[in-house]
């Protein structure tokens, strides 16, 4: 039998087919955009996700040459959908999904900080408050879109909406529920009546059914079976939040194991039994052993987005070469940056191009380039951007370590950024942790496929994921470079502290 994993990402959806041993068979990817109609806004209508899921399912099945009867099931993971999609009683979307990148709920965040004791919200939910979290976005909709709020039957996460379209069944999983924050009791693993009352979010508007990530939500309906070529009745598994599922795809099941999922943004995380909760990071039930294991992660708003921004805005020459010769523009930019020493000859970049999530939780933070002189070239700035993402990773790691966490010396890294050995080496040198990459990095979709294997009883326990994965040679941290970067890192932290009060003044002009 074969297993399908589909991950609905922020800028694209990827479907992968593997066999019962996790061996890659076929895949397909569909790209799309985020709607950013105003500064700090980021939203998407669910139709782009549905179209991408259907297309990638169909293409990957066609490429695989596998019979539909040989598919054991499908699991879906998805981007953190923030507010989720507000749908009416007929499950029709009433408003775009305010995704994780959206930072419009600034006033709601301030209100909570002023009127809800930190110990109260953290004590119940294991999280604090920021405009990143879904519950603040729900409060924004309540205040600014009262008709939408009035007619909202339920807020549905991206992947759960697609599962509903595929099966006619509406539910969510524990990781997705917990990532909403604010209204989810992380200890009781259910919605908090007390926090729902305090925040003015009726429990009735939250998902009614919470399942394990390995549970079968429903079965593929005839409409989408006919379109994709899959068999009507194929089991659809609940899945989970993409960061946690990507963590599973790297084989993380024990304390000390940690993974950086570096794509458009970055989520670095680890697992534990709940004793390392901190308001500076994000925590929710893991996608396996949900009843006893917590996934805690730090999320930086930009990672791969930094390189993409530079390529799109300043890389016309490199993009032209890519068109003519087929050499990636990113590869050319890296070749130009290879001769630049650690620290980019005195340039520090704050990577806060979309505000920042953990550990500073500052939606007003801005991207900053410090230290430019007439000596510096484009390559200096490009490398400094890559280094800034690594500084952000180090900041989250240090925050976790401050809680008492013990981290293994090797950090696994997955996602699009992991394809760049040059950038991964920077991550290693800056953080001081060796970087370990999968032999074939299919990230969250592999974890999804494994959830299918668990949910359909093809494998009997989560530990079997270790048999699915193989690794490339370790990229070791250069101790000499790490010492150099430590000096720059201190300046990086100081730069934010000194500019923190300036950023809101700049926001007033936008």
Protein backbone atom coordinates (compact mmCIF):
# COMPACT_ATOMS: atom_id res chain seq x y z
CA UNK A 1 0.00 0.00 0.00
CA UNK A 2 0.98 3.63 -0.53
CA UNK A 3 0.49 6.71 1.64
CA UNK A 4 -0.22 10.32 0.68
CA UNK A 5 0.87 13.35 2.69
CA UNK A 6 -0.22 16.86 1.74
CA UNK A 7 1.04 20.04 3.36
CA UNK A 8 -0.79 23.33 2.77
CA UNK A 9 1.91 25.96 3.16
CA UNK A 10 1.83 29.74 3.22
CA UNK A 11 3.02 30.14 -0.36
CA UNK A 12 2.37 26.71 -1.82
CA UNK A 13 0.98 23.21 -1.31
CA UNK A 14 3.02 20.04 -1.66
CA UNK A 15 1.78 16.46 -1.96
CA UNK A 16 4.05 13.44 -1.59
CA UNK A 17 3.40 9.73 -2.13
CA UNK A 18 5.55 7.17 -0.28
CA UNK A 19 5.41 3.43 0.25
CA UNK A 20 4.96 1.62 3.57
CA UNK A 21 8.65 2.09 4.40
CA UNK A 22 8.61 5.81 3.71
CA UNK A 23 10.38 5.51 0.36
CA UNK A 24 9.64 8.45 -1.92
CA UNK A 25 7.53 7.65 -5.00
CA UNK A 26 6.19 10.92 -6.43
CA UNK A 27 5.33 14.49 -5.53
CA UNK A 28 3.72 17.67 -6.83
CA UNK A 29 3.83 21.34 -5.83
CA UNK A 30 1.46 24.24 -6.50
CA UNK A 31 2.44 27.83 -5.70
CA UNK A 32 0.15 30.72 -4.74
CA UNK A 33 0.29 34.16 -3.11
CA UNK A 34 -0.65 35.83 0.15
CA UNK A 35 -2.98 38.85 0.01
CA UNK A 36 -1.30 41.84 1.69
CA UNK A 37 -3.73 44.66 0.92
CA UNK A 38 -2.56 46.79 3.86
CA UNK A 39 0.58 47.13 5.94
CA UNK A 40 0.81 44.25 8.46
CA UNK A 41 -2.18 42.47 6.88
CA UNK A 42 -1.81 38.93 5.50
CA UNK A 43 -4.83 36.92 4.46
CA UNK A 44 -5.93 34.15 2.11
CA UNK A 45 -9.22 32.85 0.76
CA UNK A 46 -9.50 29.05 1.09
CA UNK A 47 -10.22 28.49 -2.60
CA UNK A 48 -6.49 28.76 -3.40
CA UNK A 49 -5.75 25.98 -0.93
CA UNK A 50 -8.50 23.73 -2.24
CA UNK A 51 -7.38 24.20 -5.84
CA UNK A 52 -3.76 23.49 -4.90
CA UNK A 53 -4.63 20.37 -2.89
CA UNK A 54 -6.78 18.93 -5.71
CA UNK A 55 -4.14 19.67 -8.35
CA UNK A 56 -1.24 18.23 -6.37
CA UNK A 57 -3.20 15.10 -5.44
CA UNK A 58 -4.10 14.52 -9.08
CA UNK A 59 -0.60 15.23 -10.44
CA UNK A 60 1.26 13.16 -7.86
CA UNK A 61 -1.04 10.19 -8.43
CA UNK A 62 -0.57 10.46 -12.20
CA UNK A 63 3.22 10.69 -11.84
CA UNK A 64 3.34 7.70 -9.51
CA UNK A 65 1.54 5.32 -11.92
CA UNK A 66 -0.05 3.76 -8.83
CA UNK A 67 -3.59 2.42 -8.87
CA UNK A 68 -6.07 4.31 -6.71
CA UNK A 69 -6.92 1.05 -4.93
CA UNK A 70 -3.34 0.94 -3.62
CA UNK A 71 -3.65 4.23 -1.68
CA UNK A 72 -4.17 3.54 2.03
CA UNK A 73 -5.11 7.10 2.94
CA UNK A 74 -4.33 10.81 2.92
CA UNK A 75 -3.29 13.12 5.76
CA UNK A 76 -3.11 16.90 5.60
CA UNK A 77 -1.04 19.39 7.54
CA UNK A 78 -1.30 23.12 7.15
CA UNK A 79 0.09 26.53 7.88
CA UNK A 80 -0.98 28.10 11.14
CA UNK A 81 -4.19 29.72 10.00
CA UNK A 82 -4.41 32.34 12.75
CA UNK A 83 -8.09 33.21 13.03
CA UNK A 84 -9.06 30.37 10.76
CA UNK A 85 -11.76 30.83 8.16
CA UNK A 86 -15.03 32.18 9.57
CA UNK A 87 -17.77 30.06 7.97
CA UNK A 88 -21.55 30.23 8.25
CA UNK A 89 -23.91 27.35 9.04
CA UNK A 90 -23.64 26.15 5.44
CA UNK A 91 -19.83 26.16 5.86
CA UNK A 92 -19.41 28.99 3.35
CA UNK A 93 -16.46 31.33 4.00
CA UNK A 94 -17.56 34.78 5.18
CA UNK A 95 -14.16 36.48 5.28
CA UNK A 96 -10.55 35.68 4.38
CA UNK A 97 -8.43 33.69 6.81
CA UNK A 98 -6.15 36.00 8.81
CA UNK A 99 -3.06 33.81 8.67
CA UNK A 100 -0.13 33.71 11.09
CA UNK A 101 1.69 36.55 9.27
CA UNK A 102 -1.19 38.97 9.86
CA UNK A 103 -0.46 41.50 12.61
CA UNK A 104 -3.52 43.74 12.50
CA UNK A 105 -4.81 42.76 15.97
CA UNK A 106 -2.50 45.22 17.74
CA UNK A 107 -5.18 46.94 19.81
CA UNK A 108 -6.69 43.63 20.89
CA UNK A 109 -3.26 42.47 22.01
CA UNK A 110 -2.75 45.66 24.03
CA UNK A 111 -6.16 45.26 25.67
CA UNK A 112 -5.35 41.73 26.80
CA UNK A 113 -1.97 42.78 28.18
CA UNK A 114 -3.67 45.58 30.13
CA UNK A 115 -6.69 43.70 31.46
CA UNK A 116 -5.84 39.99 31.61
CA UNK A 117 -3.12 39.01 34.10
CA UNK A 118 -0.20 37.28 32.43
CA UNK A 119 -0.21 34.54 35.04
CA UNK A 120 -3.86 33.83 34.31
CA UNK A 121 -3.62 33.36 30.55
CA UNK A 122 -0.24 31.61 30.69
CA UNK A 123 -1.31 29.39 33.57
CA UNK A 124 -4.26 28.04 31.61
CA UNK A 125 -3.00 28.02 28.03
CA UNK A 126 0.78 27.66 28.36
CA UNK A 127 1.07 30.66 26.03
CA UNK A 128 0.91 34.43 26.35
CA UNK A 129 -0.50 36.98 23.93
CA UNK A 130 0.52 38.46 20.59
CA UNK A 131 -1.21 39.46 17.38
CA UNK A 132 0.28 36.25 15.95
CA UNK A 133 -2.21 34.13 17.87
CA UNK A 134 -5.58 33.22 16.40
CA UNK A 135 -7.65 34.34 19.35
CA UNK A 136 -6.50 37.96 18.99
CA UNK A 137 -7.42 37.86 15.30
CA UNK A 138 -10.86 36.51 16.18
CA UNK A 139 -11.30 39.45 18.55
CA UNK A 140 -10.31 41.81 15.71
CA UNK A 141 -13.01 40.33 13.48
CA UNK A 142 -15.53 40.69 16.30
CA UNK A 143 -14.75 44.40 16.64
CA UNK A 144 -14.19 45.41 13.02
CA UNK A 145 -16.46 43.00 11.11
CA UNK A 146 -19.55 42.64 13.33
CA UNK A 147 -21.72 41.15 10.58
CA UNK A 148 -19.10 38.51 9.86
CA UNK A 149 -18.85 37.78 13.58
CA UNK A 150 -22.62 37.56 13.97
CA UNK A 151 -22.95 35.04 11.14
CA UNK A 152 -19.89 32.96 11.98
CA UNK A 153 -20.84 29.39 12.83
CA UNK A 154 -17.25 28.25 13.35
CA UNK A 155 -13.65 29.32 12.78
CA UNK A 156 -12.04 26.58 10.70
CA UNK A 157 -8.30 26.07 10.19
CA UNK A 158 -6.92 25.89 6.62
CA UNK A 159 -6.31 22.15 6.50
CA UNK A 160 -9.54 21.38 8.38
CA UNK A 161 -11.54 23.38 5.84
CA UNK A 162 -9.99 21.34 3.03
CA UNK A 163 -10.70 18.10 4.91
CA UNK A 164 -14.31 19.26 5.24
CA UNK A 165 -14.51 19.83 1.48
CA UNK A 166 -13.02 16.38 0.83
CA UNK A 167 -15.17 14.50 3.34
CA UNK A 168 -18.13 16.59 4.47
CA UNK A 169 -16.86 16.20 8.07
CA UNK A 170 -15.80 19.16 10.21
CA UNK A 171 -13.24 18.65 12.98
CA UNK A 172 -9.80 19.76 14.10
CA UNK A 173 -6.82 18.15 15.83
CA UNK A 174 -5.14 18.91 19.16
CA UNK A 175 -2.11 20.69 17.69
CA UNK A 176 -4.31 23.01 15.61
CA UNK A 177 -6.60 23.74 18.57
CA UNK A 178 -3.69 24.43 20.89
CA UNK A 179 -1.97 26.75 18.43
CA UNK A 180 -4.95 29.12 18.57
CA UNK A 181 -3.72 29.95 22.06
CA UNK A 182 -5.72 32.10 24.50
CA UNK A 183 -8.84 29.92 24.68
CA UNK A 184 -7.28 26.42 24.77
CA UNK A 185 -6.47 24.81 28.12
CA UNK A 186 -3.13 23.10 27.48
CA UNK A 187 -3.44 21.01 30.65
CA UNK A 188 -6.98 19.72 30.10
CA UNK A 189 -6.55 19.53 26.30
CA UNK A 190 -9.85 21.31 25.61
CA UNK A 191 -11.38 24.77 25.26
CA UNK A 192 -11.25 26.90 28.41
CA UNK A 193 -14.67 28.17 29.50
CA UNK A 194 -12.98 30.74 31.71
CA UNK A 195 -10.75 32.20 29.00
CA UNK A 196 -13.55 32.16 26.42
CA UNK A 197 -15.65 34.25 28.82
CA UNK A 198 -12.82 36.67 29.65
CA UNK A 199 -11.92 37.23 25.97
CA UNK A 200 -15.50 37.31 24.70
CA UNK A 201 -15.07 34.40 22.30
CA UNK A 202 -18.05 32.02 22.56
CA UNK A 203 -16.95 28.40 22.73
CA UNK A 204 -19.70 27.64 20.20
CA UNK A 205 -17.70 29.43 17.49
CA UNK A 206 -14.67 27.17 18.05
CA UNK A 207 -14.28 23.70 16.51
CA UNK A 208 -16.80 21.33 18.07
CA UNK A 209 -14.76 18.16 17.65
CA UNK A 210 -11.06 17.76 18.51
CA UNK A 211 -9.37 14.58 17.27
CA UNK A 212 -5.94 12.98 17.45
CA UNK A 213 -3.72 13.70 14.46
CA UNK A 214 -3.88 10.00 13.52
CA UNK A 215 -7.68 9.76 13.63
CA UNK A 216 -9.72 9.23 10.48
CA UNK A 217 -11.92 12.32 10.07
CA UNK A 218 -13.90 10.94 7.14
CA UNK A 219 -13.63 9.46 3.68
CA UNK A 220 -13.04 11.02 0.29
CA UNK A 221 -16.29 12.04 -1.40
CA UNK A 222 -17.19 11.09 -4.96
CA UNK A 223 -16.80 14.62 -6.36
CA UNK A 224 -13.13 14.95 -5.50
CA UNK A 225 -12.41 11.28 -6.05
CA UNK A 226 -13.52 11.73 -9.66
CA UNK A 227 -11.44 14.89 -10.10
CA UNK A 228 -8.23 13.54 -8.53
CA UNK A 229 -8.43 9.96 -9.75
CA UNK A 230 -8.41 8.67 -6.19
CA UNK A 231 -10.85 6.09 -4.87
CA UNK A 232 -14.10 7.25 -3.32
CA UNK A 233 -14.00 6.33 0.35
CA UNK A 234 -10.23 6.74 0.77
CA UNK A 235 -9.58 7.53 4.48
CA UNK A 236 -8.68 11.15 5.26
CA UNK A 237 -6.54 11.53 8.40
CA UNK A 238 -6.75 14.58 10.71
CA UNK A 239 -3.06 15.66 10.44
CA UNK A 240 -1.83 18.76 12.25
CA UNK A 241 0.02 22.07 12.24
CA UNK A 242 2.82 21.97 9.66
CA UNK A 243 5.65 22.85 12.06
CA UNK A 244 4.84 19.98 14.40
CA UNK A 245 4.30 17.53 11.54
CA UNK A 246 7.64 18.59 10.03
CA UNK A 247 9.15 17.91 13.46
CA UNK A 248 7.74 14.38 13.30
CA UNK A 249 9.10 13.94 9.75
CA UNK A 250 12.58 14.43 11.21
CA UNK A 251 11.98 11.68 13.75
CA UNK A 252 11.62 13.80 16.89
CA UNK A 253 10.04 11.87 19.77
CA UNK A 254 12.32 12.54 22.75
CA UNK A 255 13.41 15.49 24.86
CA UNK A 256 16.65 16.99 23.59
CA UNK A 257 15.88 16.34 19.93
CA UNK A 258 15.21 19.61 18.12
CA UNK A 259 14.40 20.76 14.60
CA UNK A 260 14.50 24.02 12.66
CA UNK A 261 11.84 24.10 9.96
CA UNK A 262 13.12 26.83 7.69
CA UNK A 263 10.89 27.86 4.84
CA UNK A 264 9.24 31.23 4.26
CA UNK A 265 9.40 31.65 8.02
CA UNK A 266 11.16 29.55 10.62
CA UNK A 267 9.83 27.37 13.40
CA UNK A 268 12.41 25.85 15.70
CA UNK A 269 11.08 23.40 18.23
CA UNK A 270 11.47 20.49 20.57
CA UNK A 271 9.21 18.19 22.62
CA UNK A 272 8.80 17.59 26.35
CA UNK A 273 6.25 16.49 28.93
CA UNK A 274 5.06 20.00 29.77
CA UNK A 275 7.65 21.08 32.33
CA UNK A 276 9.37 23.64 30.08
CA UNK A 277 6.46 25.91 29.25
CA UNK A 278 7.41 29.57 28.83
CA UNK A 279 5.38 32.62 27.73
CA UNK A 280 8.26 33.58 25.42
CA UNK A 281 7.65 30.59 23.12
CA UNK A 282 4.62 28.79 21.64
CA UNK A 283 3.39 25.48 23.05
CA UNK A 284 0.64 23.03 22.11
CA UNK A 285 0.02 19.25 22.08
CA UNK A 286 2.32 17.28 19.78
CA UNK A 287 0.96 15.34 16.79
CA UNK A 288 1.73 11.98 18.43
CA UNK A 289 1.30 11.15 22.11
CA UNK A 290 -1.01 14.17 22.28
CA UNK A 291 -2.14 13.36 25.79
CA UNK A 292 1.33 13.59 27.35
CA UNK A 293 3.73 15.34 24.98
CA UNK A 294 4.03 19.08 24.29
CA UNK A 295 5.63 20.68 21.26
CA UNK A 296 7.30 23.98 22.16
CA UNK A 297 8.69 26.17 19.43
CA UNK A 298 10.03 29.58 18.62
CA UNK A 299 8.83 31.13 15.42
CA UNK A 300 10.59 33.84 13.47
CA UNK A 301 8.39 35.61 10.93
CA UNK A 302 10.97 35.59 8.15
CA UNK A 303 13.62 33.15 6.98
CA UNK A 304 13.46 32.12 3.34
CA UNK A 305 11.35 35.23 2.78
CA UNK A 306 14.48 37.33 3.34
CA UNK A 307 16.36 35.68 0.47
CA UNK A 308 13.28 35.80 -1.74
CA UNK A 309 12.78 39.53 -1.04
CA UNK A 310 16.40 40.29 -1.92
CA UNK A 311 16.24 38.19 -5.10
CA UNK A 312 12.99 39.82 -6.23
CA UNK A 313 14.03 43.39 -5.45
CA UNK A 314 17.75 43.38 -6.26
CA UNK A 315 18.43 40.22 -8.22
CA UNK A 316 17.33 41.05 -11.78
CA UNK A 317 20.70 39.99 -13.17
CA UNK A 318 20.61 36.66 -11.34
CA UNK A 319 17.01 36.02 -12.38
CA UNK A 320 17.91 36.68 -15.99
CA UNK A 321 20.74 34.13 -15.83
CA UNK A 322 18.33 31.66 -14.27
CA UNK A 323 16.00 32.08 -17.24
CA UNK A 324 18.74 31.71 -19.83
CA UNK A 325 20.95 29.03 -18.27
CA UNK A 326 18.78 27.29 -15.69
CA UNK A 327 21.08 28.13 -12.77
CA UNK A 328 19.10 29.17 -9.70
CA UNK A 329 19.29 32.88 -8.88
CA UNK A 330 19.84 31.89 -5.25
CA UNK A 331 22.85 29.78 -6.22
CA UNK A 332 24.40 32.73 -8.04
CA UNK A 333 23.77 35.07 -5.10
CA UNK A 334 25.40 32.55 -2.78
CA UNK A 335 28.44 32.26 -5.05
CA UNK A 336 28.84 36.03 -4.81
CA UNK A 337 28.53 35.90 -1.00
CA UNK A 338 30.95 33.01 -0.38
CA UNK A 339 33.98 35.30 -0.18
CA UNK A 340 32.34 37.52 2.46
CA UNK A 341 33.73 36.78 5.96
CA UNK A 342 31.59 35.91 9.01
CA UNK A 343 29.80 39.04 10.15
CA UNK A 344 29.69 40.49 6.62
CA UNK A 345 32.46 43.02 7.37
CA UNK A 346 30.50 44.78 10.08
CA UNK A 347 26.88 44.58 8.89
CA UNK A 348 24.08 43.59 11.26
CA UNK A 349 20.56 42.95 9.95
CA UNK A 350 17.45 42.69 12.11
CA UNK A 351 15.24 40.24 10.17
CA UNK A 352 11.98 41.75 11.38
CA UNK A 353 10.53 42.46 7.93
CA UNK A 354 7.06 41.33 9.08
CA UNK A 355 7.35 42.31 12.72
CA UNK A 356 8.53 39.42 14.86
CA UNK A 357 7.11 36.53 16.76
CA UNK A 358 9.15 34.81 19.45
CA UNK A 359 10.94 35.54 21.58
CA UNK A 360 10.47 39.33 21.34
CA UNK A 361 6.77 39.28 20.30
CA UNK A 362 6.91 42.69 18.69
CA UNK A 363 4.61 43.39 15.73
CA UNK A 364 6.09 46.89 15.46
CA UNK A 365 9.66 45.63 14.90
CA UNK A 366 11.14 46.53 11.52
CA UNK A 367 13.77 45.11 9.22
CA UNK A 368 17.00 47.00 9.80
CA UNK A 369 20.38 47.08 8.07
CA UNK A 370 23.10 48.53 10.31
CA UNK A 371 26.74 49.24 9.52
CA UNK A 372 26.71 50.05 5.80
CA UNK A 373 29.67 51.88 4.27
CA UNK A 374 30.71 52.67 0.71
CA UNK A 375 33.00 49.65 0.92
CA UNK A 376 30.11 47.20 1.12
CA UNK A 377 28.71 45.40 -1.93
CA UNK A 378 25.42 43.65 -2.63
CA UNK A 379 26.99 40.36 -1.55
CA UNK A 380 27.67 41.76 1.92
CA UNK A 381 24.01 42.63 2.38
CA UNK A 382 22.82 39.28 1.04
CA UNK A 383 25.04 37.33 3.41
CA UNK A 384 24.04 39.60 6.31
CA UNK A 385 20.41 38.75 5.60
CA UNK A 386 21.20 35.04 5.80
CA UNK A 387 23.12 35.61 9.02
CA UNK A 388 20.21 37.53 10.52
CA UNK A 389 17.93 34.50 10.19
CA UNK A 390 20.58 32.47 12.04
CA UNK A 391 20.78 35.08 14.82
CA UNK A 392 17.01 34.80 15.19
CA UNK A 393 17.29 31.01 15.45
CA UNK A 394 19.98 31.36 18.12
CA UNK A 395 17.76 33.78 20.06
CA UNK A 396 14.95 31.22 20.18
CA UNK A 397 17.32 28.41 21.13
CA UNK A 398 18.76 30.44 24.00
CA UNK A 399 15.25 31.26 25.23
CA UNK A 400 14.43 27.55 25.38
CA UNK A 401 17.71 26.72 27.12
CA UNK A 402 16.94 29.36 29.76
CA UNK A 403 13.92 27.26 30.88
CA UNK A 404 16.20 24.35 31.69
CA UNK A 405 15.87 22.48 28.41
CA UNK A 406 18.85 20.38 27.41
CA UNK A 407 19.36 20.29 23.64
CA UNK A 408 21.32 17.72 21.67
CA UNK A 409 24.46 19.03 19.96
CA UNK A 410 22.96 18.22 16.55
CA UNK A 411 20.01 20.27 15.31
CA UNK A 412 17.95 18.81 12.49
CA UNK A 413 17.00 21.28 9.77
CA UNK A 414 14.23 20.78 7.22
CA UNK A 415 12.43 22.97 4.70
CA UNK A 416 13.39 24.89 1.60
CA UNK A 417 16.29 26.67 3.28
CA UNK A 418 17.86 23.28 4.12
CA UNK A 419 18.58 22.80 0.41
CA UNK A 420 21.24 25.51 0.67
CA UNK A 421 24.39 24.01 2.19
CA UNK A 422 25.88 27.51 2.29
CA UNK A 423 23.05 28.89 4.43
CA UNK A 424 22.88 25.80 6.62
CA UNK A 425 26.59 26.21 7.38
CA UNK A 426 25.85 29.78 8.51
CA UNK A 427 23.14 28.44 10.83
CA UNK A 428 25.64 25.97 12.28
CA UNK A 429 28.39 28.54 12.77
CA UNK A 430 26.10 31.16 14.31
CA UNK A 431 24.29 28.84 16.73
CA UNK A 432 27.20 26.54 17.55
CA UNK A 433 24.98 23.50 16.86
CA UNK A 434 25.85 21.01 14.13
CA UNK A 435 23.16 20.85 11.46
CA UNK A 436 21.69 17.56 10.33
CA UNK A 437 19.73 17.33 7.07
CA UNK A 438 17.47 14.58 5.78
CA UNK A 439 18.73 12.66 2.76
CA UNK A 440 15.51 13.61 0.97
CA UNK A 441 13.87 16.63 2.53
CA UNK A 442 10.15 16.34 1.94
CA UNK A 443 9.46 17.93 5.36
CA UNK A 444 5.84 17.99 6.60
CA UNK A 445 4.33 15.81 3.81
CA UNK A 446 6.49 12.89 4.98
CA UNK A 447 5.18 13.35 8.51
CA UNK A 448 1.65 13.47 7.08
CA UNK A 449 2.24 10.19 5.24
CA UNK A 450 3.49 8.65 8.47
CA UNK A 451 0.32 9.81 10.25
CA UNK A 452 -1.60 7.89 7.57
CA UNK A 453 0.49 4.81 8.35
CA UNK A 454 -0.35 5.17 12.06
CA UNK A 455 -4.00 5.98 11.47
CA UNK A 456 -4.57 3.02 9.16
CA UNK A 457 -2.53 0.63 11.38
CA UNK A 458 0.14 0.03 8.72
CA UNK A 459 2.65 0.87 11.46
CA UNK A 460 1.93 0.23 15.11
CA UNK A 461 3.86 2.93 16.96
CA UNK A 462 5.36 6.41 16.40
CA UNK A 463 8.92 5.15 16.97
CA UNK A 464 8.76 3.51 13.52
CA UNK A 465 9.39 6.94 11.97
CA UNK A 466 13.07 6.44 12.84
CA UNK A 467 13.16 3.62 10.26
CA UNK A 468 11.81 5.93 7.56
CA UNK A 469 14.50 8.58 7.63
CA UNK A 470 18.12 8.79 6.51
CA UNK A 471 20.51 11.70 6.78
CA UNK A 472 23.13 13.51 4.72
CA UNK A 473 26.63 14.10 6.13
CA UNK A 474 26.59 16.35 9.19
CA UNK A 475 27.38 20.04 8.68
CA UNK A 476 29.54 20.87 11.67
CA UNK A 477 29.82 24.23 13.38
CA UNK A 478 33.21 25.89 12.98
CA UNK A 479 34.23 26.90 16.52
CA UNK A 480 36.38 29.75 15.22
CA UNK A 481 33.47 31.21 13.27
CA UNK A 482 31.12 30.66 16.21
CA UNK A 483 33.33 32.84 18.41
CA UNK A 484 33.26 35.60 15.79
CA UNK A 485 29.50 35.35 15.44
CA UNK A 486 29.03 35.47 19.21
CA UNK A 487 30.37 39.04 19.17
CA UNK A 488 28.04 40.02 16.34
CA UNK A 489 25.12 38.29 18.06
CA UNK A 490 25.54 40.46 21.14
CA UNK A 491 25.38 43.55 18.91
CA UNK A 492 22.32 42.06 17.20
CA UNK A 493 20.51 41.81 20.55
CA UNK A 494 21.67 45.28 21.59
CA UNK A 495 20.53 46.78 18.27
CA UNK A 496 16.97 45.62 18.85
CA UNK A 497 16.97 46.87 22.44
CA UNK A 498 18.16 50.31 21.32
CA UNK A 499 15.67 50.57 18.43
CA UNK A 500 12.66 49.00 20.10
CA UNK A 501 11.09 52.36 20.99
CA UNK A 502 11.81 53.83 17.56
CA UNK A 503 9.86 51.21 15.61
CA UNK A 504 6.36 52.26 16.77
CA UNK A 505 7.13 55.82 15.64
CA UNK A 506 7.88 54.51 12.16
CA UNK A 507 4.66 52.48 12.20
CA UNK A 508 2.72 55.69 12.71
CA UNK A 509 3.67 56.76 9.18
CA UNK A 510 2.42 53.58 7.49
